[in-house]
Amino acid sequence: WVHNERDRIILKRVLLDNIHYEPLAE
């Protein structure tokens, strides 16, 4: 359901890997 590759990476890192926004943005 998430068609943008970057957004898929973001969602996976946040929801599955529990990465916080700031380190992920970096």
PDB file of all heavy atoms in Angstrom:
ATOM      1  N   TRP A   1       0.775  -1.240   0.000  1.00  0.00           N
ATOM      2  CA  TRP A   1       0.000   0.000   0.000  1.00  0.00           C
ATOM      3  C   TRP A   1       0.805   1.289   0.000  1.00  0.00           C
ATOM      4  O   TRP A   1       0.245   2.358  -0.197  1.00  0.00           O
ATOM      5  CB  TRP A   1      -0.984  -0.014   1.167  1.00  0.00           C
ATOM      6  CG  TRP A   1      -1.945  -1.135   1.009  1.00  0.00           C
ATOM      7  CD1 TRP A   1      -1.899  -2.353   1.612  1.00  0.00           C
ATOM      8  CD2 TRP A   1      -3.077  -1.175   0.144  1.00  0.00           C
ATOM      9  NE1 TRP A   1      -2.945  -3.151   1.179  1.00  0.00           N
ATOM     10  CE2 TRP A   1      -3.682  -2.449   0.272  1.00  0.00           C
ATOM     11  CE3 TRP A   1      -3.654  -0.250  -0.734  1.00  0.00           C
ATOM     12  CZ2 TRP A   1      -4.825  -2.817  -0.433  1.00  0.00           C
ATOM     13  CZ3 TRP A   1      -4.789  -0.620  -1.430  1.00  0.00           C
ATOM     14  CH2 TRP A   1      -5.356  -1.886  -1.277  1.00  0.00           C
ATOM     15  N   VAL A   2       2.116   1.208   0.221  1.00  0.00           N
ATOM     16  CA  VAL A   2       2.959   2.411   0.167  1.00  0.00           C
ATOM     17  C   VAL A   2       3.781   2.319  -1.113  1.00  0.00           C
ATOM     18  O   VAL A   2       4.668   1.489  -1.223  1.00  0.00           O
ATOM     19  CB  VAL A   2       3.867   2.523   1.414  1.00  0.00           C
ATOM     20  CG1 VAL A   2       4.749   3.761   1.328  1.00  0.00           C
ATOM     21  CG2 VAL A   2       3.015   2.545   2.686  1.00  0.00           C
ATOM     22  N   HIS A   3       3.456   3.162  -2.070  1.00  0.00           N
ATOM     23  CA  HIS A   3       4.032   3.015  -3.414  1.00  0.00           C
ATOM     24  C   HIS A   3       5.357   3.753  -3.606  1.00  0.00           C
ATOM     25  O   HIS A   3       6.124   3.411  -4.492  1.00  0.00           O
ATOM     26  CB  HIS A   3       3.013   3.452  -4.463  1.00  0.00           C
ATOM     27  CG  HIS A   3       1.725   2.687  -4.355  1.00  0.00           C
ATOM     28  ND1 HIS A   3       1.643   1.324  -4.570  1.00  0.00           N
ATOM     29  CD2 HIS A   3       0.486   3.067  -4.000  1.00  0.00           C
ATOM     30  CE1 HIS A   3       0.413   0.917  -4.383  1.00  0.00           C
ATOM     31  NE2 HIS A   3      -0.324   1.950  -4.020  1.00  0.00           N
ATOM     32  N   ASN A   4       5.633   4.725  -2.786  1.00  0.00           N
ATOM     33  CA  ASN A   4       6.880   5.478  -2.880  1.00  0.00           C
ATOM     34  C   ASN A   4       7.977   4.721  -2.117  1.00  0.00           C
ATOM     35  O   ASN A   4       7.817   4.409  -0.937  1.00  0.00           O
ATOM     36  CB  ASN A   4       6.657   6.876  -2.281  1.00  0.00           C
ATOM     37  CG  ASN A   4       7.901   7.731  -2.309  1.00  0.00           C
ATOM     38  OD1 ASN A   4       8.837   7.489  -1.558  1.00  0.00           O
ATOM     39  ND2 ASN A   4       7.893   8.717  -3.173  1.00  0.00           N
ATOM     40  N   GLU A   5       9.085   4.449  -2.789  1.00  0.00           N
ATOM     41  CA  GLU A   5      10.146   3.633  -2.189  1.00  0.00           C
ATOM     42  C   GLU A   5      10.718   4.264  -0.918  1.00  0.00           C
ATOM     43  O   GLU A   5      10.924   3.591   0.093  1.00  0.00           O
ATOM     44  CB  GLU A   5      11.270   3.391  -3.198  1.00  0.00           C
ATOM     45  CG  GLU A   5      12.372   2.506  -2.644  1.00  0.00           C
ATOM     46  CD  GLU A   5      13.495   2.253  -3.633  1.00  0.00           C
ATOM     47  OE1 GLU A   5      13.413   2.728  -4.775  1.00  0.00           O
ATOM     48  OE2 GLU A   5      14.458   1.579  -3.232  1.00  0.00           O
ATOM     49  N   ARG A   6      10.983   5.570  -0.962  1.00  0.00           N
ATOM     50  CA  ARG A   6      11.519   6.245   0.218  1.00  0.00           C
ATOM     51  C   ARG A   6      10.539   6.152   1.393  1.00  0.00           C
ATOM     52  O   ARG A   6      10.932   5.894   2.530  1.00  0.00           O
ATOM     53  CB  ARG A   6      11.843   7.706  -0.078  1.00  0.00           C
ATOM     54  CG  ARG A   6      12.499   8.409   1.118  1.00  0.00           C
ATOM     55  CD  ARG A   6      12.657   9.879   0.908  1.00  0.00           C
ATOM     56  NE  ARG A   6      11.328  10.473   0.834  1.00  0.00           N
ATOM     57  CZ  ARG A   6      11.071  11.666   0.336  1.00  0.00           C
ATOM     58  NH1 ARG A   6      12.027  12.403  -0.158  1.00  0.00           N
ATOM     59  NH2 ARG A   6       9.851  12.150   0.320  1.00  0.00           N
ATOM     60  N   ASP A   7       9.255   6.332   1.113  1.00  0.00           N
ATOM     61  CA  ASP A   7       8.250   6.246   2.165  1.00  0.00           C
ATOM     62  C   ASP A   7       8.160   4.827   2.736  1.00  0.00           C
ATOM     63  O   ASP A   7       7.972   4.649   3.935  1.00  0.00           O
ATOM     64  CB  ASP A   7       6.882   6.699   1.654  1.00  0.00           C
ATOM     65  CG  ASP A   7       6.817   8.200   1.412  1.00  0.00           C
ATOM     66  OD1 ASP A   7       7.810   8.909   1.710  1.00  0.00           O
ATOM     67  OD2 ASP A   7       5.775   8.678   0.933  1.00  0.00           O
ATOM     68  N   ARG A   8       8.327   3.815   1.878  1.00  0.00           N
ATOM     69  CA  ARG A   8       8.342   2.424   2.363  1.00  0.00           C
ATOM     70  C   ARG A   8       9.501   2.212   3.335  1.00  0.00           C
ATOM     71  O   ARG A   8       9.332   1.599   4.385  1.00  0.00           O
ATOM     72  CB  ARG A   8       8.458   1.431   1.198  1.00  0.00           C
ATOM     73  CG  ARG A   8       7.163   1.146   0.490  1.00  0.00           C
ATOM     74  CD  ARG A   8       7.247  -0.097  -0.380  1.00  0.00           C
ATOM     75  NE  ARG A   8       8.350  -0.096  -1.323  1.00  0.00           N
ATOM     76  CZ  ARG A   8       8.285   0.409  -2.551  1.00  0.00           C
ATOM     77  NH1 ARG A   8       7.174   0.957  -3.003  1.00  0.00           N
ATOM     78  NH2 ARG A   8       9.328   0.361  -3.342  1.00  0.00           N
ATOM     79  N   ILE A   9      10.658   2.728   2.965  1.00  0.00           N
ATOM     80  CA  ILE A   9      11.836   2.610   3.835  1.00  0.00           C
ATOM     81  C   ILE A   9      11.569   3.297   5.172  1.00  0.00           C
ATOM     82  O   ILE A   9      11.839   2.734   6.240  1.00  0.00           O
ATOM     83  CB  ILE A   9      13.087   3.211   3.150  1.00  0.00           C
ATOM     84  CG1 ILE A   9      13.497   2.349   1.950  1.00  0.00           C
ATOM     85  CG2 ILE A   9      14.240   3.350   4.151  1.00  0.00           C
ATOM     86  CD1 ILE A   9      14.508   3.006   1.026  1.00  0.00           C
ATOM     87  N   ILE A  10      11.012   4.492   5.120  1.00  0.00           N
ATOM     88  CA  ILE A  10      10.707   5.250   6.339  1.00  0.00           C
ATOM     89  C   ILE A  10       9.749   4.466   7.225  1.00  0.00           C
ATOM     90  O   ILE A  10       9.989   4.300   8.423  1.00  0.00           O
ATOM     91  CB  ILE A  10      10.137   6.639   5.996  1.00  0.00           C
ATOM     92  CG1 ILE A  10      11.225   7.525   5.373  1.00  0.00           C
ATOM     93  CG2 ILE A  10       9.539   7.313   7.235  1.00  0.00           C
ATOM     94  CD1 ILE A  10      10.704   8.821   4.747  1.00  0.00           C
ATOM     95  N   LEU A  11       8.654   3.985   6.651  1.00  0.00           N
ATOM     96  CA  LEU A  11       7.657   3.251   7.436  1.00  0.00           C
ATOM     97  C   LEU A  11       8.253   1.989   8.050  1.00  0.00           C
ATOM     98  O   LEU A  11       8.007   1.687   9.224  1.00  0.00           O
ATOM     99  CB  LEU A  11       6.454   2.874   6.569  1.00  0.00           C
ATOM    100  CG  LEU A  11       5.273   3.840   6.467  1.00  0.00           C
ATOM    101  CD1 LEU A  11       4.459   3.877   7.725  1.00  0.00           C
ATOM    102  CD2 LEU A  11       5.636   5.198   5.995  1.00  0.00           C
ATOM    103  N   LYS A  12       9.038   1.256   7.291  1.00  0.00           N
ATOM    104  CA  LYS A  12       9.646   0.033   7.812  1.00  0.00           C
ATOM    105  C   LYS A  12      10.612   0.336   8.948  1.00  0.00           C
ATOM    106  O   LYS A  12      10.609  -0.348   9.975  1.00  0.00           O
ATOM    107  CB  LYS A  12      10.382  -0.724   6.705  1.00  0.00           C
ATOM    108  CG  LYS A  12       9.455  -1.431   5.749  1.00  0.00           C
ATOM    109  CD  LYS A  12      10.261  -2.126   4.671  1.00  0.00           C
ATOM    110  CE  LYS A  12       9.359  -2.759   3.634  1.00  0.00           C
ATOM    111  NZ  LYS A  12      10.128  -3.425   2.577  1.00  0.00           N
ATOM    112  N   ARG A  13      11.438   1.359   8.766  1.00  0.00           N
ATOM    113  CA  ARG A  13      12.427   1.691   9.801  1.00  0.00           C
ATOM    114  C   ARG A  13      11.741   2.157  11.085  1.00  0.00           C
ATOM    115  O   ARG A  13      12.187   1.830  12.177  1.00  0.00           O
ATOM    116  CB  ARG A  13      13.411   2.755   9.302  1.00  0.00           C
ATOM    117  CG  ARG A  13      14.260   2.315   8.123  1.00  0.00           C
ATOM    118  CD  ARG A  13      15.290   1.281   8.483  1.00  0.00           C
ATOM    119  NE  ARG A  13      16.419   1.938   9.134  1.00  0.00           N
ATOM    120  CZ  ARG A  13      17.097   1.418  10.157  1.00  0.00           C
ATOM    121  NH1 ARG A  13      16.781   0.260  10.646  1.00  0.00           N
ATOM    122  NH2 ARG A  13      18.093   2.075  10.677  1.00  0.00           N
ATOM    123  N   VAL A  14      10.656   2.906  10.950  1.00  0.00           N
ATOM    124  CA  VAL A  14       9.961   3.417  12.136  1.00  0.00           C
ATOM    125  C   VAL A  14       9.100   2.333  12.775  1.00  0.00           C
ATOM    126  O   VAL A  14       9.198   2.086  13.976  1.00  0.00           O
ATOM    127  CB  VAL A  14       9.118   4.667  11.790  1.00  0.00           C
ATOM    128  CG1 VAL A  14       8.214   5.063  12.946  1.00  0.00           C
ATOM    129  CG2 VAL A  14      10.025   5.840  11.413  1.00  0.00           C
ATOM    130  N   LEU A  15       8.267   1.672  11.984  1.00  0.00           N
ATOM    131  CA  LEU A  15       7.316   0.715  12.547  1.00  0.00           C
ATOM    132  C   LEU A  15       7.940  -0.636  12.910  1.00  0.00           C
ATOM    133  O   LEU A  15       7.530  -1.267  13.881  1.00  0.00           O
ATOM    134  CB  LEU A  15       6.150   0.493  11.592  1.00  0.00           C
ATOM    135  CG  LEU A  15       5.258   1.711  11.332  1.00  0.00           C
ATOM    136  CD1 LEU A  15       4.218   1.374  10.276  1.00  0.00           C
ATOM    137  CD2 LEU A  15       4.601   2.184  12.620  1.00  0.00           C
ATOM    138  N   LEU A  16       8.905  -1.081  12.140  1.00  0.00           N
ATOM    139  CA  LEU A  16       9.475  -2.412  12.383  1.00  0.00           C
ATOM    140  C   LEU A  16      10.784  -2.361  13.165  1.00  0.00           C
ATOM    141  O   LEU A  16      11.046  -3.223  13.997  1.00  0.00           O
ATOM    142  CB  LEU A  16       9.685  -3.139  11.051  1.00  0.00           C
ATOM    143  CG  LEU A  16       8.417  -3.356  10.223  1.00  0.00           C
ATOM    144  CD1 LEU A  16       8.765  -3.924   8.859  1.00  0.00           C
ATOM    145  CD2 LEU A  16       7.441  -4.260  10.965  1.00  0.00           C
ATOM    146  N   ASP A  17      11.609  -1.351  12.892  1.00  0.00           N
ATOM    147  CA  ASP A  17      12.918  -1.261  13.545  1.00  0.00           C
ATOM    148  C   ASP A  17      12.909  -0.302  14.735  1.00  0.00           C
ATOM    149  O   ASP A  17      13.908  -0.178  15.430  1.00  0.00           O
ATOM    150  CB  ASP A  17      13.985  -0.821  12.541  1.00  0.00           C
ATOM    151  CG  ASP A  17      14.116  -1.789  11.373  1.00  0.00           C
ATOM    152  OD1 ASP A  17      13.776  -2.976  11.538  1.00  0.00           O
ATOM    153  OD2 ASP A  17      14.563  -1.356  10.295  1.00  0.00           O
ATOM    154  N   ASN A  18      11.786   0.404  14.907  1.00  0.00           N
ATOM    155  CA  ASN A  18      11.612   1.324  16.040  1.00  0.00           C
ATOM    156  C   ASN A  18      12.671   2.438  16.073  1.00  0.00           C
ATOM    157  O   ASN A  18      13.155   2.819  17.135  1.00  0.00           O
ATOM    158  CB  ASN A  18      11.608   0.542  17.352  1.00  0.00           C
ATOM    159  CG  ASN A  18      10.609   1.092  18.325  1.00  0.00           C
ATOM    160  OD1 ASN A  18       9.727   1.857  17.957  1.00  0.00           O
ATOM    161  ND2 ASN A  18      10.744   0.709  19.568  1.00  0.00           N
ATOM    162  N   ILE A  19      13.044   2.921  14.894  1.00  0.00           N
ATOM    163  CA  ILE A  19      14.020   4.002  14.779  1.00  0.00           C
ATOM    164  C   ILE A  19      13.305   5.336  14.972  1.00  0.00           C
ATOM    165  O   ILE A  19      12.234   5.558  14.405  1.00  0.00           O
ATOM    166  CB  ILE A  19      14.709   3.969  13.385  1.00  0.00           C
ATOM    167  CG1 ILE A  19      15.387   2.622  13.153  1.00  0.00           C
ATOM    168  CG2 ILE A  19      15.680   5.119  13.219  1.00  0.00           C
ATOM    169  CD1 ILE A  19      16.524   2.291  14.075  1.00  0.00           C
ATOM    170  N   HIS A  20      13.913   6.225  15.735  1.00  0.00           N
ATOM    171  CA  HIS A  20      13.331   7.549  15.955  1.00  0.00           C
ATOM    172  C   HIS A  20      13.549   8.439  14.733  1.00  0.00           C
ATOM    173  O   HIS A  20      14.433   8.193  13.916  1.00  0.00           O
ATOM    174  CB  HIS A  20      13.938   8.187  17.201  1.00  0.00           C
ATOM    175  CG  HIS A  20      13.502   7.502  18.453  1.00  0.00           C
ATOM    176  ND1 HIS A  20      12.392   7.871  19.152  1.00  0.00           N
ATOM    177  CD2 HIS A  20      14.022   6.436  19.113  1.00  0.00           C
ATOM    178  CE1 HIS A  20      12.239   7.086  20.185  1.00  0.00           C
ATOM    179  NE2 HIS A  20      13.213   6.190  20.188  1.00  0.00           N
ATOM    180  N   TYR A  21      12.715   9.462  14.627  1.00  0.00           N
ATOM    181  CA  TYR A  21      12.699  10.324  13.440  1.00  0.00           C
ATOM    182  C   TYR A  21      14.046  10.978  13.144  1.00  0.00           C
ATOM    183  O   TYR A  21      14.494  10.990  11.994  1.00  0.00           O
ATOM    184  CB  TYR A  21      11.645  11.421  13.585  1.00  0.00           C
ATOM    185  CG  TYR A  21      10.222  10.927  13.720  1.00  0.00           C
ATOM    186  CD1 TYR A  21       9.248  11.754  14.244  1.00  0.00           C
ATOM    187  CD2 TYR A  21       9.841   9.654  13.320  1.00  0.00           C
ATOM    188  CE1 TYR A  21       7.923  11.323  14.374  1.00  0.00           C
ATOM    189  CE2 TYR A  21       8.531   9.217  13.440  1.00  0.00           C
ATOM    190  CZ  TYR A  21       7.576  10.055  13.965  1.00  0.00           C
ATOM    191  OH  TYR A  21       6.285   9.635  14.079  1.00  0.00           O
ATOM    192  N   GLU A  22      14.688  11.543  14.161  1.00  0.00           N
ATOM    193  CA  GLU A  22      15.929  12.290  13.938  1.00  0.00           C
ATOM    194  C   GLU A  22      17.065  11.420  13.377  1.00  0.00           C
ATOM    195  O   GLU A  22      17.660  11.782  12.354  1.00  0.00           O
ATOM    196  CB  GLU A  22      16.379  13.011  15.217  1.00  0.00           C
ATOM    197  CG  GLU A  22      15.467  14.147  15.632  1.00  0.00           C
ATOM    198  CD  GLU A  22      14.212  13.698  16.394  1.00  0.00           C
ATOM    199  OE1 GLU A  22      14.059  12.480  16.696  1.00  0.00           O
ATOM    200  OE2 GLU A  22      13.365  14.559  16.677  1.00  0.00           O
ATOM    201  N   PRO A  23      17.352  10.268  14.007  1.00  0.00           N
ATOM    202  CA  PRO A  23      18.412   9.420  13.437  1.00  0.00           C
ATOM    203  C   PRO A  23      18.066   8.898  12.037  1.00  0.00           C
ATOM    204  O   PRO A  23      18.943   8.760  11.196  1.00  0.00           O
ATOM    205  CB  PRO A  23      18.539   8.257  14.418  1.00  0.00           C
ATOM    206  CG  PRO A  23      17.844   8.679  15.650  1.00  0.00           C
ATOM    207  CD  PRO A  23      16.869   9.749  15.273  1.00  0.00           C
ATOM    208  N   LEU A  24      16.786   8.637  11.809  1.00  0.00           N
ATOM    209  CA  LEU A  24      16.369   8.154  10.491  1.00  0.00           C
ATOM    210  C   LEU A  24      16.544   9.243   9.433  1.00  0.00           C
ATOM    211  O   LEU A  24      17.031   8.970   8.331  1.00  0.00           O
ATOM    212  CB  LEU A  24      14.917   7.677  10.527  1.00  0.00           C
ATOM    213  CG  LEU A  24      14.367   7.134   9.217  1.00  0.00           C
ATOM    214  CD1 LEU A  24      15.212   5.985   8.672  1.00  0.00           C
ATOM    215  CD2 LEU A  24      12.924   6.694   9.389  1.00  0.00           C
ATOM    216  N   ALA A  25      16.183  10.461   9.783  1.00  0.00           N
ATOM    217  CA  ALA A  25      16.364  11.576   8.849  1.00  0.00           C
ATOM    218  C   ALA A  25      17.843  11.729   8.492  1.00  0.00           C
ATOM    219  O   ALA A  25      18.191  11.914   7.321  1.00  0.00           O
ATOM    220  CB  ALA A  25      15.826  12.864   9.467  1.00  0.00           C
ATOM    221  N   GLU A  26      18.684  11.607   9.499  1.00  0.00           N
ATOM    222  CA  GLU A  26      20.128  11.684   9.267  1.00  0.00           C
ATOM    223  C   GLU A  26      20.604  10.540   8.378  1.00  0.00           C
ATOM    224  O   GLU A  26      21.377  10.738   7.433  1.00  0.00           O
ATOM    225  CB  GLU A  26      20.847  11.625  10.615  1.00  0.00           C
ATOM    226  CG  GLU A  26      22.033  12.531  10.707  1.00  0.00           C
ATOM    227  CD  GLU A  26      22.568  12.580  12.120  1.00  0.00           C
ATOM    228  OE1 GLU A  26      22.037  13.370  12.928  1.00  0.00           O
ATOM    229  OE2 GLU A  26      23.527  11.814  12.402  1.00  0.00           O
TER     230      GLU A  26
END
